[in-house]
Amino acid sequence: MKSYFILVFCFSVLSCNSNNGKIDLSYVESLEQKNKALETELNELKGKTSISKNYFYIGSTVDDVIAVMGEPDSYMVTAEEARRLYYGMSSVYIYQDKVIAFENLENNLKARVKK
């Protein structure tokens, strides 16, 4: 009698595990499909830029600024996620890799406030 209960218990555990495996597999497959869709979308977004070819803006990335202005004459790290890029006497303030402000003292920055 005891072996019968053990046998029934083992059978029920095995049948539960096989169902869970099927559910997990379909869940993983749906996640993989979503991941592929997100990767495709990300690759499409990488091709787009947030700048005009002539100017950078508040909110542009550091790469956008360098694409428009070229390499800065110098830069200074002002905080953990903040930098200040110098182009002559003019400067561009960067926080978390985005332009938050600029000072165009020499009128040499190709910058606009709005797109």
N, C-alpha and C. Protein backbone atom coordinates (compact mmCIF):
# COMPACT_ATOMS: atom_id res chain seq x y z
N MET A 1 0.82 -1.19 0.00
CA MET A 1 0.00 0.00 0.00
C MET A 1 0.87 1.26 0.00
N LYS A 2 1.93 1.20 0.80
CA LYS A 2 2.82 2.34 0.89
C LYS A 2 3.53 2.59 -0.45
N SER A 3 3.92 1.53 -1.11
CA SER A 3 4.59 1.67 -2.40
C SER A 3 3.62 2.21 -3.45
N TYR A 4 2.34 1.90 -3.32
CA TYR A 4 1.33 2.43 -4.24
C TYR A 4 1.26 3.95 -4.13
N PHE A 5 1.25 4.50 -2.90
CA PHE A 5 1.21 5.94 -2.70
C PHE A 5 2.48 6.62 -3.23
N ILE A 6 3.58 5.97 -3.02
CA ILE A 6 4.85 6.50 -3.53
C ILE A 6 4.80 6.55 -5.06
N LEU A 7 4.30 5.50 -5.66
CA LEU A 7 4.20 5.44 -7.11
C LEU A 7 3.25 6.52 -7.64
N VAL A 8 2.11 6.71 -7.00
CA VAL A 8 1.14 7.74 -7.40
C VAL A 8 1.75 9.13 -7.22
N PHE A 9 2.44 9.32 -6.12
CA PHE A 9 3.08 10.61 -5.86
C PHE A 9 4.12 10.92 -6.93
N CYS A 10 4.96 9.98 -7.26
CA CYS A 10 6.00 10.18 -8.28
C CYS A 10 5.37 10.47 -9.63
N PHE A 11 4.33 9.74 -9.97
CA PHE A 11 3.65 9.97 -11.24
C PHE A 11 3.05 11.38 -11.31
N SER A 12 2.42 11.83 -10.22
CA SER A 12 1.82 13.17 -10.22
C SER A 12 2.89 14.26 -10.30
N VAL A 13 4.02 14.04 -9.63
CA VAL A 13 5.11 15.01 -9.70
C VAL A 13 5.66 15.08 -11.11
N LEU A 14 5.87 13.94 -11.73
CA LEU A 14 6.39 13.92 -13.10
C LEU A 14 5.42 14.56 -14.08
N SER A 15 4.12 14.29 -13.91
CA SER A 15 3.15 14.88 -14.84
C SER A 15 3.07 16.39 -14.64
N CYS A 16 3.18 16.87 -13.41
CA CYS A 16 3.18 18.31 -13.16
C CYS A 16 4.42 18.97 -13.76
N ASN A 17 5.55 18.33 -13.61
CA ASN A 17 6.80 18.89 -14.14
C ASN A 17 6.77 18.97 -15.66
N SER A 18 6.19 17.97 -16.32
CA SER A 18 6.15 18.00 -17.78
C SER A 18 5.25 19.13 -18.27
N ASN A 19 4.15 19.42 -17.58
CA ASN A 19 3.28 20.54 -17.97
C ASN A 19 3.98 21.86 -17.74
N ASN A 20 4.66 22.00 -16.61
CA ASN A 20 5.38 23.24 -16.34
C ASN A 20 6.47 23.49 -17.37
N GLY A 21 7.11 22.43 -17.82
CA GLY A 21 8.16 22.56 -18.83
C GLY A 21 7.60 23.10 -20.13
N LYS A 22 6.41 22.67 -20.50
CA LYS A 22 5.78 23.16 -21.72
C LYS A 22 5.40 24.62 -21.57
N ILE A 23 4.89 24.98 -20.42
CA ILE A 23 4.52 26.38 -20.18
C ILE A 23 5.77 27.25 -20.19
N ASP A 24 6.81 26.82 -19.54
CA ASP A 24 8.05 27.58 -19.49
C ASP A 24 8.64 27.74 -20.89
N LEU A 25 8.59 26.69 -21.69
CA LEU A 25 9.14 26.74 -23.03
C LEU A 25 8.41 27.75 -23.89
N SER A 26 7.09 27.78 -23.84
CA SER A 26 6.33 28.75 -24.63
C SER A 26 6.58 30.17 -24.13
N TYR A 27 6.72 30.30 -22.82
CA TYR A 27 7.01 31.62 -22.24
C TYR A 27 8.38 32.11 -22.71
N VAL A 28 9.36 31.24 -22.69
CA VAL A 28 10.70 31.59 -23.14
C VAL A 28 10.69 31.95 -24.62
N GLU A 29 9.96 31.19 -25.43
CA GLU A 29 9.88 31.47 -26.87
C GLU A 29 9.26 32.84 -27.11
N SER A 30 8.22 33.20 -26.36
CA SER A 30 7.60 34.52 -26.54
C SER A 30 8.56 35.62 -26.11
N LEU A 31 9.34 35.38 -25.07
CA LEU A 31 10.33 36.37 -24.66
C LEU A 31 11.42 36.53 -25.72
N GLU A 32 11.82 35.43 -26.34
CA GLU A 32 12.82 35.51 -27.40
C GLU A 32 12.30 36.31 -28.59
N GLN A 33 11.03 36.13 -28.94
CA GLN A 33 10.44 36.89 -30.03
C GLN A 33 10.39 38.38 -29.69
N LYS A 34 10.02 38.69 -28.47
CA LYS A 34 9.99 40.10 -28.05
C LYS A 34 11.39 40.68 -28.06
N ASN A 35 12.37 39.91 -27.63
CA ASN A 35 13.75 40.37 -27.62
C ASN A 35 14.24 40.67 -29.03
N LYS A 36 13.91 39.80 -29.99
CA LYS A 36 14.30 40.03 -31.39
C LYS A 36 13.65 41.29 -31.93
N ALA A 37 12.39 41.51 -31.60
CA ALA A 37 11.68 42.71 -32.06
C ALA A 37 12.32 43.96 -31.47
N LEU A 38 12.70 43.92 -30.19
CA LEU A 38 13.35 45.06 -29.55
C LEU A 38 14.73 45.32 -30.15
N GLU A 39 15.47 44.26 -30.45
CA GLU A 39 16.79 44.42 -31.08
C GLU A 39 16.66 45.08 -32.44
N THR A 40 15.66 44.67 -33.22
CA THR A 40 15.42 45.28 -34.53
C THR A 40 15.09 46.76 -34.39
N GLU A 41 14.22 47.08 -33.43
CA GLU A 41 13.85 48.47 -33.20
C GLU A 41 15.05 49.30 -32.76
N LEU A 42 15.87 48.74 -31.89
CA LEU A 42 17.06 49.44 -31.41
C LEU A 42 18.03 49.71 -32.55
N ASN A 43 18.23 48.73 -33.42
CA ASN A 43 19.12 48.92 -34.56
C ASN A 43 18.60 50.00 -35.50
N GLU A 44 17.29 50.08 -35.67
CA GLU A 44 16.71 51.14 -36.50
C GLU A 44 16.93 52.50 -35.86
N LEU A 45 16.79 52.58 -34.53
CA LEU A 45 16.98 53.85 -33.84
C LEU A 45 18.44 54.29 -33.85
N LYS A 46 19.36 53.34 -33.85
CA LYS A 46 20.78 53.69 -33.89
C LYS A 46 21.13 54.42 -35.18
N GLY A 47 20.42 54.10 -36.25
CA GLY A 47 20.68 54.74 -37.53
C GLY A 47 20.19 56.18 -37.57
N LYS A 48 19.26 56.51 -36.68
CA LYS A 48 18.73 57.88 -36.65
C LYS A 48 19.56 58.71 -35.68
N THR A 49 19.68 59.99 -35.95
CA THR A 49 20.44 60.86 -35.07
C THR A 49 19.55 61.97 -34.56
N SER A 50 19.86 62.51 -33.43
CA SER A 50 19.04 63.56 -32.83
C SER A 50 19.52 64.95 -33.21
N ILE A 51 20.41 65.05 -34.20
CA ILE A 51 20.95 66.35 -34.55
C ILE A 51 20.69 66.68 -36.01
N SER A 52 20.74 67.94 -36.28
CA SER A 52 20.85 68.41 -37.65
C SER A 52 22.33 68.29 -37.98
N LYS A 53 22.68 68.25 -39.22
CA LYS A 53 24.10 68.13 -39.57
C LYS A 53 24.86 69.42 -39.27
N ASN A 54 24.13 70.51 -39.04
CA ASN A 54 24.79 71.80 -38.85
C ASN A 54 24.85 72.28 -37.40
N TYR A 55 23.99 71.76 -36.55
CA TYR A 55 23.89 72.28 -35.19
C TYR A 55 23.69 71.16 -34.18
N PHE A 56 24.02 71.46 -32.91
CA PHE A 56 23.60 70.59 -31.81
C PHE A 56 22.65 71.40 -30.95
N TYR A 57 21.91 70.72 -30.10
CA TYR A 57 20.84 71.34 -29.32
C TYR A 57 20.93 70.92 -27.86
N ILE A 58 20.18 71.62 -27.02
CA ILE A 58 19.99 71.17 -25.65
C ILE A 58 19.31 69.80 -25.75
N GLY A 59 19.89 68.81 -25.11
CA GLY A 59 19.37 67.45 -25.19
C GLY A 59 20.14 66.56 -26.14
N SER A 60 21.01 67.14 -26.99
CA SER A 60 21.84 66.34 -27.88
C SER A 60 22.83 65.52 -27.06
N THR A 61 23.33 64.46 -27.64
CA THR A 61 24.32 63.63 -26.96
C THR A 61 25.73 64.19 -27.18
N VAL A 62 26.67 63.69 -26.41
CA VAL A 62 28.07 64.09 -26.57
C VAL A 62 28.55 63.76 -27.98
N ASP A 63 28.15 62.60 -28.48
CA ASP A 63 28.54 62.21 -29.83
C ASP A 63 27.99 63.19 -30.87
N ASP A 64 26.78 63.70 -30.63
CA ASP A 64 26.20 64.69 -31.54
C ASP A 64 27.04 65.97 -31.55
N VAL A 65 27.44 66.42 -30.37
CA VAL A 65 28.25 67.63 -30.26
C VAL A 65 29.57 67.44 -31.00
N ILE A 66 30.22 66.33 -30.78
CA ILE A 66 31.51 66.07 -31.42
C ILE A 66 31.34 65.94 -32.94
N ALA A 67 30.23 65.38 -33.39
CA ALA A 67 29.97 65.26 -34.83
C ALA A 67 29.84 66.64 -35.47
N VAL A 68 29.24 67.59 -34.76
CA VAL A 68 29.05 68.94 -35.28
C VAL A 68 30.29 69.79 -35.09
N MET A 69 30.88 69.75 -33.90
CA MET A 69 31.96 70.67 -33.53
C MET A 69 33.36 70.09 -33.70
N GLY A 70 33.47 68.80 -33.75
CA GLY A 70 34.78 68.17 -33.73
C GLY A 70 35.21 67.95 -32.28
N GLU A 71 36.40 67.44 -32.12
CA GLU A 71 36.92 67.18 -30.77
C GLU A 71 37.09 68.51 -30.03
N PRO A 72 36.75 68.54 -28.73
CA PRO A 72 36.92 69.78 -27.97
C PRO A 72 38.40 70.08 -27.75
N ASP A 73 38.69 71.37 -27.52
CA ASP A 73 40.07 71.77 -27.21
C ASP A 73 40.51 71.14 -25.90
N SER A 74 39.58 71.08 -24.95
CA SER A 74 39.83 70.43 -23.66
C SER A 74 38.49 70.13 -23.02
N TYR A 75 38.53 69.42 -21.90
CA TYR A 75 37.30 69.16 -21.15
C TYR A 75 37.65 69.01 -19.68
N MET A 76 36.62 69.13 -18.86
CA MET A 76 36.80 69.00 -17.41
C MET A 76 35.66 68.15 -16.87
N VAL A 77 36.00 67.18 -16.03
CA VAL A 77 34.99 66.39 -15.34
C VAL A 77 34.59 67.19 -14.10
N THR A 78 33.33 67.61 -14.04
CA THR A 78 32.89 68.46 -12.95
C THR A 78 32.14 67.72 -11.85
N ALA A 79 31.64 66.53 -12.17
CA ALA A 79 30.96 65.67 -11.20
C ALA A 79 30.98 64.26 -11.77
N GLU A 80 30.40 63.33 -11.04
CA GLU A 80 30.47 61.94 -11.48
C GLU A 80 29.93 61.74 -12.89
N GLU A 81 28.80 62.35 -13.21
CA GLU A 81 28.20 62.18 -14.54
C GLU A 81 28.17 63.48 -15.33
N ALA A 82 29.00 64.44 -14.96
CA ALA A 82 28.97 65.75 -15.61
C ALA A 82 30.34 66.11 -16.17
N ARG A 83 30.31 66.75 -17.34
CA ARG A 83 31.54 67.21 -17.99
C ARG A 83 31.29 68.58 -18.58
N ARG A 84 32.37 69.26 -18.83
CA ARG A 84 32.31 70.55 -19.50
C ARG A 84 33.30 70.50 -20.64
N LEU A 85 32.80 70.63 -21.87
CA LEU A 85 33.65 70.61 -23.06
C LEU A 85 34.00 72.05 -23.43
N TYR A 86 35.26 72.30 -23.73
CA TYR A 86 35.71 73.64 -24.10
C TYR A 86 36.05 73.71 -25.57
N TYR A 87 35.50 74.69 -26.24
CA TYR A 87 35.84 75.04 -27.62
C TYR A 87 36.28 76.49 -27.58
N GLY A 88 37.57 76.70 -27.49
CA GLY A 88 38.07 78.05 -27.25
C GLY A 88 37.61 78.49 -25.88
N MET A 89 37.00 79.69 -25.80
CA MET A 89 36.47 80.17 -24.53
C MET A 89 35.02 79.75 -24.32
N SER A 90 34.40 79.19 -25.34
CA SER A 90 33.02 78.71 -25.24
C SER A 90 33.02 77.33 -24.59
N SER A 91 31.90 76.98 -23.96
CA SER A 91 31.83 75.67 -23.31
C SER A 91 30.44 75.06 -23.45
N VAL A 92 30.44 73.74 -23.40
CA VAL A 92 29.21 72.96 -23.49
C VAL A 92 29.12 72.12 -22.22
N TYR A 93 28.01 72.23 -21.51
CA TYR A 93 27.81 71.50 -20.26
C TYR A 93 27.06 70.19 -20.54
N ILE A 94 27.64 69.09 -20.10
CA ILE A 94 27.10 67.77 -20.34
C ILE A 94 26.75 67.12 -19.00
N TYR A 95 25.55 66.54 -18.94
CA TYR A 95 25.17 65.76 -17.76
C TYR A 95 24.52 64.47 -18.26
N GLN A 96 24.99 63.34 -17.79
CA GLN A 96 24.52 62.02 -18.20
C GLN A 96 24.52 61.90 -19.73
N ASP A 97 25.63 62.35 -20.33
CA ASP A 97 25.87 62.27 -21.77
C ASP A 97 24.89 63.08 -22.62
N LYS A 98 24.23 64.07 -22.04
CA LYS A 98 23.32 64.95 -22.78
C LYS A 98 23.71 66.41 -22.52
N VAL A 99 23.53 67.26 -23.54
CA VAL A 99 23.79 68.69 -23.39
C VAL A 99 22.70 69.29 -22.52
N ILE A 100 23.11 69.98 -21.45
CA ILE A 100 22.12 70.64 -20.60
C ILE A 100 22.22 72.16 -20.71
N ALA A 101 23.38 72.67 -21.19
CA ALA A 101 23.57 74.12 -21.35
C ALA A 101 24.83 74.35 -22.15
N PHE A 102 24.98 75.59 -22.63
CA PHE A 102 26.22 75.98 -23.29
C PHE A 102 26.44 77.47 -23.13
N GLU A 103 27.69 77.89 -23.17
CA GLU A 103 28.08 79.30 -23.14
C GLU A 103 28.85 79.57 -24.42
N ASN A 104 28.27 80.39 -25.28
CA ASN A 104 28.87 80.66 -26.58
C ASN A 104 29.60 82.00 -26.53
N LEU A 105 30.65 82.09 -25.72
CA LEU A 105 31.36 83.35 -25.48
C LEU A 105 32.08 83.86 -26.73
N GLU A 106 32.60 82.98 -27.54
CA GLU A 106 33.32 83.39 -28.76
C GLU A 106 32.42 83.35 -29.99
N ASN A 107 31.14 83.01 -29.79
CA ASN A 107 30.19 82.87 -30.88
C ASN A 107 30.68 81.84 -31.91
N ASN A 108 31.33 80.80 -31.44
CA ASN A 108 31.89 79.77 -32.32
C ASN A 108 31.16 78.44 -32.23
N LEU A 109 30.21 78.32 -31.31
CA LEU A 109 29.46 77.07 -31.18
C LEU A 109 28.34 77.01 -32.22
N LYS A 110 28.21 75.88 -32.83
CA LYS A 110 27.11 75.64 -33.77
C LYS A 110 25.97 75.03 -32.97
N ALA A 111 25.33 75.86 -32.15
CA ALA A 111 24.33 75.38 -31.20
C ALA A 111 23.05 76.17 -31.36
N ARG A 112 21.95 75.50 -31.10
CA ARG A 112 20.62 76.12 -31.08
C ARG A 112 19.91 75.60 -29.83
N VAL A 113 19.01 76.42 -29.32
CA VAL A 113 18.26 76.02 -28.13
C VAL A 113 17.20 75.00 -28.49
N LYS A 114 16.51 75.20 -29.61
CA LYS A 114 15.44 74.28 -30.04
C LYS A 114 15.74 73.77 -31.44
N LYS A 115 15.16 72.61 -31.72
CA LYS A 115 15.28 72.04 -33.08
C LYS A 115 14.38 72.78 -34.03
